[in-house]
Amino acid sequence: MYIICPNQNCGYRGEALRKARGSTALGCLLTLFLLVPGILYFIFSRGYRYYCPKCGLQIASDN
C-alpha cells in the first residue's frame, strides 16, 4: 500500500508498514485450552493495520 504520511513533520512517501492485528500465540493458546473463545479471537482479530515506517503513525486499518 503506497502512502503519503499525513503527519506534517514527517511527509514520508512510499510503502506502508503492515502489521497483523492480534497475536497468533494468544489465539493458539486460547484455542488449545478453550475452543470457542479461541475461534472467536481469530475471527475478530483478523486483518492488518498500516503504519508509516518513518514516524509510526497508524494510517489505515484493514479488516
PDB file of N, CA and C in Angstrom:
ATOM      1  N   MET A   1       0.853  -1.164   0.000  1.00  0.00           N
ATOM      2  CA  MET A   1       0.000   0.000   0.000  1.00  0.00           C
ATOM      3  C   MET A   1       0.903   1.233   0.000  1.00  0.00           C
ATOM      4  N   TYR A   2       0.775   2.063  -1.011  1.00  0.00           N
ATOM      5  CA  TYR A   2       1.539   3.302  -1.131  1.00  0.00           C
ATOM      6  C   TYR A   2       0.845   4.386  -0.323  1.00  0.00           C
ATOM      7  N   ILE A   3       1.610   5.119   0.496  1.00  0.00           N
ATOM      8  CA  ILE A   3       1.018   6.151   1.345  1.00  0.00           C
ATOM      9  C   ILE A   3       1.791   7.457   1.216  1.00  0.00           C
ATOM     10  N   ILE A   4       1.123   8.524   1.580  1.00  0.00           N
ATOM     11  CA  ILE A   4       1.752   9.808   1.841  1.00  0.00           C
ATOM     12  C   ILE A   4       1.362  10.133   3.277  1.00  0.00           C
ATOM     13  N   CYS A   5       2.329  10.165   4.155  1.00  0.00           N
ATOM     14  CA  CYS A   5       2.050  10.339   5.587  1.00  0.00           C
ATOM     15  C   CYS A   5       1.410  11.699   5.847  1.00  0.00           C
ATOM     16  N   PRO A   6       0.276  11.719   6.568  1.00  0.00           N
ATOM     17  CA  PRO A   6      -0.402  12.993   6.857  1.00  0.00           C
ATOM     18  C   PRO A   6       0.271  13.807   7.964  1.00  0.00           C
ATOM     19  N   ASN A   7       1.258  13.241   8.637  1.00  0.00           N
ATOM     20  CA  ASN A   7       1.976  13.958   9.684  1.00  0.00           C
ATOM     21  C   ASN A   7       2.788  15.084   9.037  1.00  0.00           C
ATOM     22  N   GLN A   8       2.584  16.312   9.457  1.00  0.00           N
ATOM     23  CA  GLN A   8       3.247  17.465   8.854  1.00  0.00           C
ATOM     24  C   GLN A   8       4.760  17.441   9.056  1.00  0.00           C
ATOM     25  N   ASN A   9       5.215  16.839  10.141  1.00  0.00           N
ATOM     26  CA  ASN A   9       6.646  16.783  10.425  1.00  0.00           C
ATOM     27  C   ASN A   9       7.341  15.632   9.710  1.00  0.00           C
ATOM     28  N   CYS A  10       6.597  14.710   9.142  1.00  0.00           N
ATOM     29  CA  CYS A  10       7.165  13.509   8.532  1.00  0.00           C
ATOM     30  C   CYS A  10       7.215  13.627   7.014  1.00  0.00           C
ATOM     31  N   GLY A  11       6.051  13.617   6.361  1.00  0.00           N
ATOM     32  CA  GLY A  11       5.977  13.734   4.910  1.00  0.00           C
ATOM     33  C   GLY A  11       6.501  12.533   4.148  1.00  0.00           C
ATOM     34  N   TYR A  12       6.525  11.353   4.769  1.00  0.00           N
ATOM     35  CA  TYR A  12       7.025  10.136   4.115  1.00  0.00           C
ATOM     36  C   TYR A  12       6.146   9.758   2.935  1.00  0.00           C
ATOM     37  N   ARG A  13       6.783   9.333   1.837  1.00  0.00           N
ATOM     38  CA  ARG A  13       6.073   8.825   0.660  1.00  0.00           C
ATOM     39  C   ARG A  13       6.681   7.471   0.325  1.00  0.00           C
ATOM     40  N   GLY A  14       5.829   6.458   0.265  1.00  0.00           N
ATOM     41  CA  GLY A  14       6.317   5.125  -0.058  1.00  0.00           C
ATOM     42  C   GLY A  14       5.399   4.048   0.482  1.00  0.00           C
ATOM     43  N   GLU A  15       5.942   2.861   0.629  1.00  0.00           N
ATOM     44  CA  GLU A  15       5.172   1.710   1.099  1.00  0.00           C
ATOM     45  C   GLU A  15       4.938   1.793   2.607  1.00  0.00           C
ATOM     46  N   ALA A  16       3.736   1.456   3.015  1.00  0.00           N
ATOM     47  CA  ALA A  16       3.379   1.451   4.430  1.00  0.00           C
ATOM     48  C   ALA A  16       3.874   0.164   5.083  1.00  0.00           C
ATOM     49  N   LEU A  17       4.108   0.227   6.366  1.00  0.00           N
ATOM     50  CA  LEU A  17       4.480  -0.936   7.158  1.00  0.00           C
ATOM     51  C   LEU A  17       3.204  -1.654   7.561  1.00  0.00           C
ATOM     52  N   ARG A  18       3.079  -2.939   7.237  1.00  0.00           N
ATOM     53  CA  ARG A  18       1.860  -3.703   7.502  1.00  0.00           C
ATOM     54  C   ARG A  18       2.092  -4.629   8.690  1.00  0.00           C
ATOM     55  N   LYS A  19       1.237  -4.519   9.703  1.00  0.00           N
ATOM     56  CA  LYS A  19       1.310  -5.377  10.888  1.00  0.00           C
ATOM     57  C   LYS A  19      -0.032  -6.065  11.089  1.00  0.00           C
ATOM     58  N   ALA A  20       0.023  -7.344  11.418  1.00  0.00           N
ATOM     59  CA  ALA A  20      -1.202  -8.110  11.657  1.00  0.00           C
ATOM     60  C   ALA A  20      -1.830  -7.685  12.977  1.00  0.00           C
ATOM     61  N   ARG A  21      -3.160  -7.665  12.991  1.00  0.00           N
ATOM     62  CA  ARG A  21      -3.876  -7.379  14.235  1.00  0.00           C
ATOM     63  C   ARG A  21      -3.907  -8.647  15.073  1.00  0.00           C
ATOM     64  N   GLY A  22      -3.868  -8.506  16.367  1.00  0.00           N
ATOM     65  CA  GLY A  22      -3.958  -9.660  17.256  1.00  0.00           C
ATOM     66  C   GLY A  22      -2.648 -10.414  17.359  1.00  0.00           C
ATOM     67  N   SER A  23      -2.647 -11.444  18.166  1.00  0.00           N
ATOM     68  CA  SER A  23      -1.466 -12.255  18.415  1.00  0.00           C
ATOM     69  C   SER A  23      -1.765 -13.705  18.051  1.00  0.00           C
ATOM     70  N   THR A  24      -0.925 -14.275  17.210  1.00  0.00           N
ATOM     71  CA  THR A  24      -1.112 -15.670  16.820  1.00  0.00           C
ATOM     72  C   THR A  24      -0.891 -16.603  18.009  1.00  0.00           C
ATOM     73  N   ALA A  25       0.103 -16.288  18.843  1.00  0.00           N
ATOM     74  CA  ALA A  25       0.391 -17.128  20.007  1.00  0.00           C
ATOM     75  C   ALA A  25      -0.788 -17.139  20.983  1.00  0.00           C
ATOM     76  N   LEU A  26      -1.375 -15.976  21.233  1.00  0.00           N
ATOM     77  CA  LEU A  26      -2.529 -15.903  22.130  1.00  0.00           C
ATOM     78  C   LEU A  26      -3.720 -16.652  21.544  1.00  0.00           C
ATOM     79  N   GLY A  27      -3.941 -16.514  20.252  1.00  0.00           N
ATOM     80  CA  GLY A  27      -5.042 -17.226  19.597  1.00  0.00           C
ATOM     81  C   GLY A  27      -4.871 -18.728  19.686  1.00  0.00           C
ATOM     82  N   CYS A  28      -3.649 -19.217  19.481  1.00  0.00           N
ATOM     83  CA  CYS A  28      -3.392 -20.662  19.587  1.00  0.00           C
ATOM     84  C   CYS A  28      -3.580 -21.147  21.016  1.00  0.00           C
ATOM     85  N   LEU A  29      -3.126 -20.356  21.975  1.00  0.00           N
ATOM     86  CA  LEU A  29      -3.284 -20.736  23.385  1.00  0.00           C
ATOM     87  C   LEU A  29      -4.760 -20.807  23.766  1.00  0.00           C
ATOM     88  N   LEU A  30      -5.537 -19.830  23.348  1.00  0.00           N
ATOM     89  CA  LEU A  30      -6.978 -19.851  23.632  1.00  0.00           C
ATOM     90  C   LEU A  30      -7.664 -21.034  22.959  1.00  0.00           C
ATOM     91  N   THR A  31      -7.270 -21.318  21.720  1.00  0.00           N
ATOM     92  CA  THR A  31      -7.874 -22.440  21.004  1.00  0.00           C
ATOM     93  C   THR A  31      -7.503 -23.767  21.645  1.00  0.00           C
ATOM     94  N   LEU A  32      -6.275 -23.855  22.140  1.00  0.00           N
ATOM     95  CA  LEU A  32      -5.807 -25.085  22.767  1.00  0.00           C
ATOM     96  C   LEU A  32      -6.586 -25.399  24.045  1.00  0.00           C
ATOM     97  N   PHE A  33      -6.820 -24.384  24.864  1.00  0.00           N
ATOM     98  CA  PHE A  33      -7.495 -24.613  26.146  1.00  0.00           C
ATOM     99  C   PHE A  33      -9.008 -24.422  26.078  1.00  0.00           C
ATOM    100  N   LEU A  34      -9.449 -23.437  25.336  1.00  0.00           N
ATOM    101  CA  LEU A  34     -10.877 -23.124  25.237  1.00  0.00           C
ATOM    102  C   LEU A  34     -11.219 -22.920  23.769  1.00  0.00           C
ATOM    103  N   LEU A  35     -11.820 -23.883  23.152  1.00  0.00           N
ATOM    104  CA  LEU A  35     -12.024 -23.891  21.709  1.00  0.00           C
ATOM    105  C   LEU A  35     -12.849 -22.700  21.206  1.00  0.00           C
ATOM    106  N   VAL A  36     -13.990 -22.449  21.795  1.00  0.00           N
ATOM    107  CA  VAL A  36     -14.888 -21.400  21.302  1.00  0.00           C
ATOM    108  C   VAL A  36     -14.267 -19.998  21.451  1.00  0.00           C
ATOM    109  N   PRO A  37     -13.706 -19.618  22.622  1.00  0.00           N
ATOM    110  CA  PRO A  37     -13.077 -18.292  22.702  1.00  0.00           C
ATOM    111  C   PRO A  37     -11.891 -18.136  21.745  1.00  0.00           C
ATOM    112  N   GLY A  38     -11.150 -19.205  21.501  1.00  0.00           N
ATOM    113  CA  GLY A  38     -10.038 -19.142  20.562  1.00  0.00           C
ATOM    114  C   GLY A  38     -10.502 -18.874  19.149  1.00  0.00           C
ATOM    115  N   ILE A  39     -11.556 -19.542  18.738  1.00  0.00           N
ATOM    116  CA  ILE A  39     -12.105 -19.327  17.395  1.00  0.00           C
ATOM    117  C   ILE A  39     -12.650 -17.907  17.275  1.00  0.00           C
ATOM    118  N   LEU A  40     -13.341 -17.432  18.299  1.00  0.00           N
ATOM    119  CA  LEU A  40     -13.861 -16.060  18.282  1.00  0.00           C
ATOM    120  C   LEU A  40     -12.728 -15.038  18.229  1.00  0.00           C
ATOM    121  N   TYR A  41     -11.646 -15.291  18.944  1.00  0.00           N
ATOM    122  CA  TYR A  41     -10.499 -14.389  18.924  1.00  0.00           C
ATOM    123  C   TYR A  41      -9.922 -14.283  17.507  1.00  0.00           C
ATOM    124  N   PHE A  42      -9.758 -15.423  16.834  1.00  0.00           N
ATOM    125  CA  PHE A  42      -9.224 -15.406  15.471  1.00  0.00           C
ATOM    126  C   PHE A  42     -10.167 -14.678  14.509  1.00  0.00           C
ATOM    127  N   ILE A  43     -11.464 -14.835  14.692  1.00  0.00           N
ATOM    128  CA  ILE A  43     -12.427 -14.169  13.811  1.00  0.00           C
ATOM    129  C   ILE A  43     -12.367 -12.656  13.988  1.00  0.00           C
ATOM    130  N   PHE A  44     -12.339 -12.182  15.236  1.00  0.00           N
ATOM    131  CA  PHE A  44     -12.399 -10.747  15.490  1.00  0.00           C
ATOM    132  C   PHE A  44     -11.051 -10.045  15.402  1.00  0.00           C
ATOM    133  N   SER A  45      -9.945 -10.773  15.377  1.00  0.00           N
ATOM    134  CA  SER A  45      -8.637 -10.117  15.311  1.00  0.00           C
ATOM    135  C   SER A  45      -7.965 -10.263  13.950  1.00  0.00           C
ATOM    136  N   ARG A  46      -8.678 -10.705  12.945  1.00  0.00           N
ATOM    137  CA  ARG A  46      -8.064 -10.839  11.631  1.00  0.00           C
ATOM    138  C   ARG A  46      -7.958  -9.467  10.965  1.00  0.00           C
ATOM    139  N   GLY A  47      -7.069  -9.362  10.020  1.00  0.00           N
ATOM    140  CA  GLY A  47      -6.871  -8.107   9.302  1.00  0.00           C
ATOM    141  C   GLY A  47      -5.505  -7.515   9.602  1.00  0.00           C
ATOM    142  N   TYR A  48      -5.265  -6.359   9.047  1.00  0.00           N
ATOM    143  CA  TYR A  48      -3.969  -5.702   9.181  1.00  0.00           C
ATOM    144  C   TYR A  48      -4.154  -4.235   9.526  1.00  0.00           C
ATOM    145  N   ARG A  49      -3.100  -3.661  10.092  1.00  0.00           N
ATOM    146  CA  ARG A  49      -3.017  -2.223  10.322  1.00  0.00           C
ATOM    147  C   ARG A  49      -1.808  -1.721   9.555  1.00  0.00           C
ATOM    148  N   TYR A  50      -1.928  -0.530   8.990  1.00  0.00           N
ATOM    149  CA  TYR A  50      -0.866   0.045   8.198  1.00  0.00           C
ATOM    150  C   TYR A  50      -0.286   1.261   8.913  1.00  0.00           C
ATOM    151  N   TYR A  51       1.047   1.291   9.022  1.00  0.00           N
ATOM    152  CA  TYR A  51       1.748   2.343   9.743  1.00  0.00           C
ATOM    153  C   TYR A  51       2.772   3.015   8.841  1.00  0.00           C
ATOM    154  N   CYS A  52       3.072   4.264   9.158  1.00  0.00           N
ATOM    155  CA  CYS A  52       4.168   4.966   8.496  1.00  0.00           C
ATOM    156  C   CYS A  52       5.471   4.417   9.089  1.00  0.00           C
ATOM    157  N   PRO A  53       6.403   3.913   8.258  1.00  0.00           N
ATOM    158  CA  PRO A  53       7.630   3.351   8.805  1.00  0.00           C
ATOM    159  C   PRO A  53       8.587   4.405   9.375  1.00  0.00           C
ATOM    160  N   LYS A  54       8.390   5.642   9.018  1.00  0.00           N
ATOM    161  CA  LYS A  54       9.286   6.698   9.492  1.00  0.00           C
ATOM    162  C   LYS A  54       8.882   7.243  10.857  1.00  0.00           C
ATOM    163  N   CYS A  55       7.584   7.575  11.041  1.00  0.00           N
ATOM    164  CA  CYS A  55       7.142   8.176  12.295  1.00  0.00           C
ATOM    165  C   CYS A  55       6.264   7.261  13.154  1.00  0.00           C
ATOM    166  N   GLY A  56       5.764   6.153  12.592  1.00  0.00           N
ATOM    167  CA  GLY A  56       4.965   5.213  13.368  1.00  0.00           C
ATOM    168  C   GLY A  56       3.487   5.545  13.458  1.00  0.00           C
ATOM    169  N   LEU A  57       3.010   6.533  12.733  1.00  0.00           N
ATOM    170  CA  LEU A  57       1.606   6.918  12.754  1.00  0.00           C
ATOM    171  C   LEU A  57       0.751   5.857  12.056  1.00  0.00           C
ATOM    172  N   GLN A  58      -0.371   5.456  12.686  1.00  0.00           N
ATOM    173  CA  GLN A  58      -1.260   4.491  12.048  1.00  0.00           C
ATOM    174  C   GLN A  58      -2.028   5.204  10.941  1.00  0.00           C
ATOM    175  N   ILE A  59      -1.926   4.668   9.724  1.00  0.00           N
ATOM    176  CA  ILE A  59      -2.534   5.291   8.557  1.00  0.00           C
ATOM    177  C   ILE A  59      -3.907   4.691   8.266  1.00  0.00           C
ATOM    178  N   ALA A  60      -4.006   3.366   8.289  1.00  0.00           N
ATOM    179  CA  ALA A  60      -5.258   2.709   7.929  1.00  0.00           C
ATOM    180  C   ALA A  60      -5.390   1.394   8.675  1.00  0.00           C
ATOM    181  N   SER A  61      -6.603   0.859   8.671  1.00  0.00           N
ATOM    182  CA  SER A  61      -6.888  -0.432   9.274  1.00  0.00           C
ATOM    183  C   SER A  61      -7.699  -1.251   8.282  1.00  0.00           C
ATOM    184  N   ASP A  62      -7.330  -2.520   8.135  1.00  0.00           N
ATOM    185  CA  ASP A  62      -7.974  -3.395   7.166  1.00  0.00           C
ATOM    186  C   ASP A  62      -8.594  -4.562   7.921  1.00  0.00           C
ATOM    187  N   ASN A  63      -9.851  -4.832   7.688  1.00  0.00           N
ATOM    188  CA  ASN A  63     -10.493  -5.962   8.363  1.00  0.00           C
ATOM    189  C   ASN A  63     -10.597  -7.069   7.405  1.00  0.00           C
TER     190      ASN A  63
END
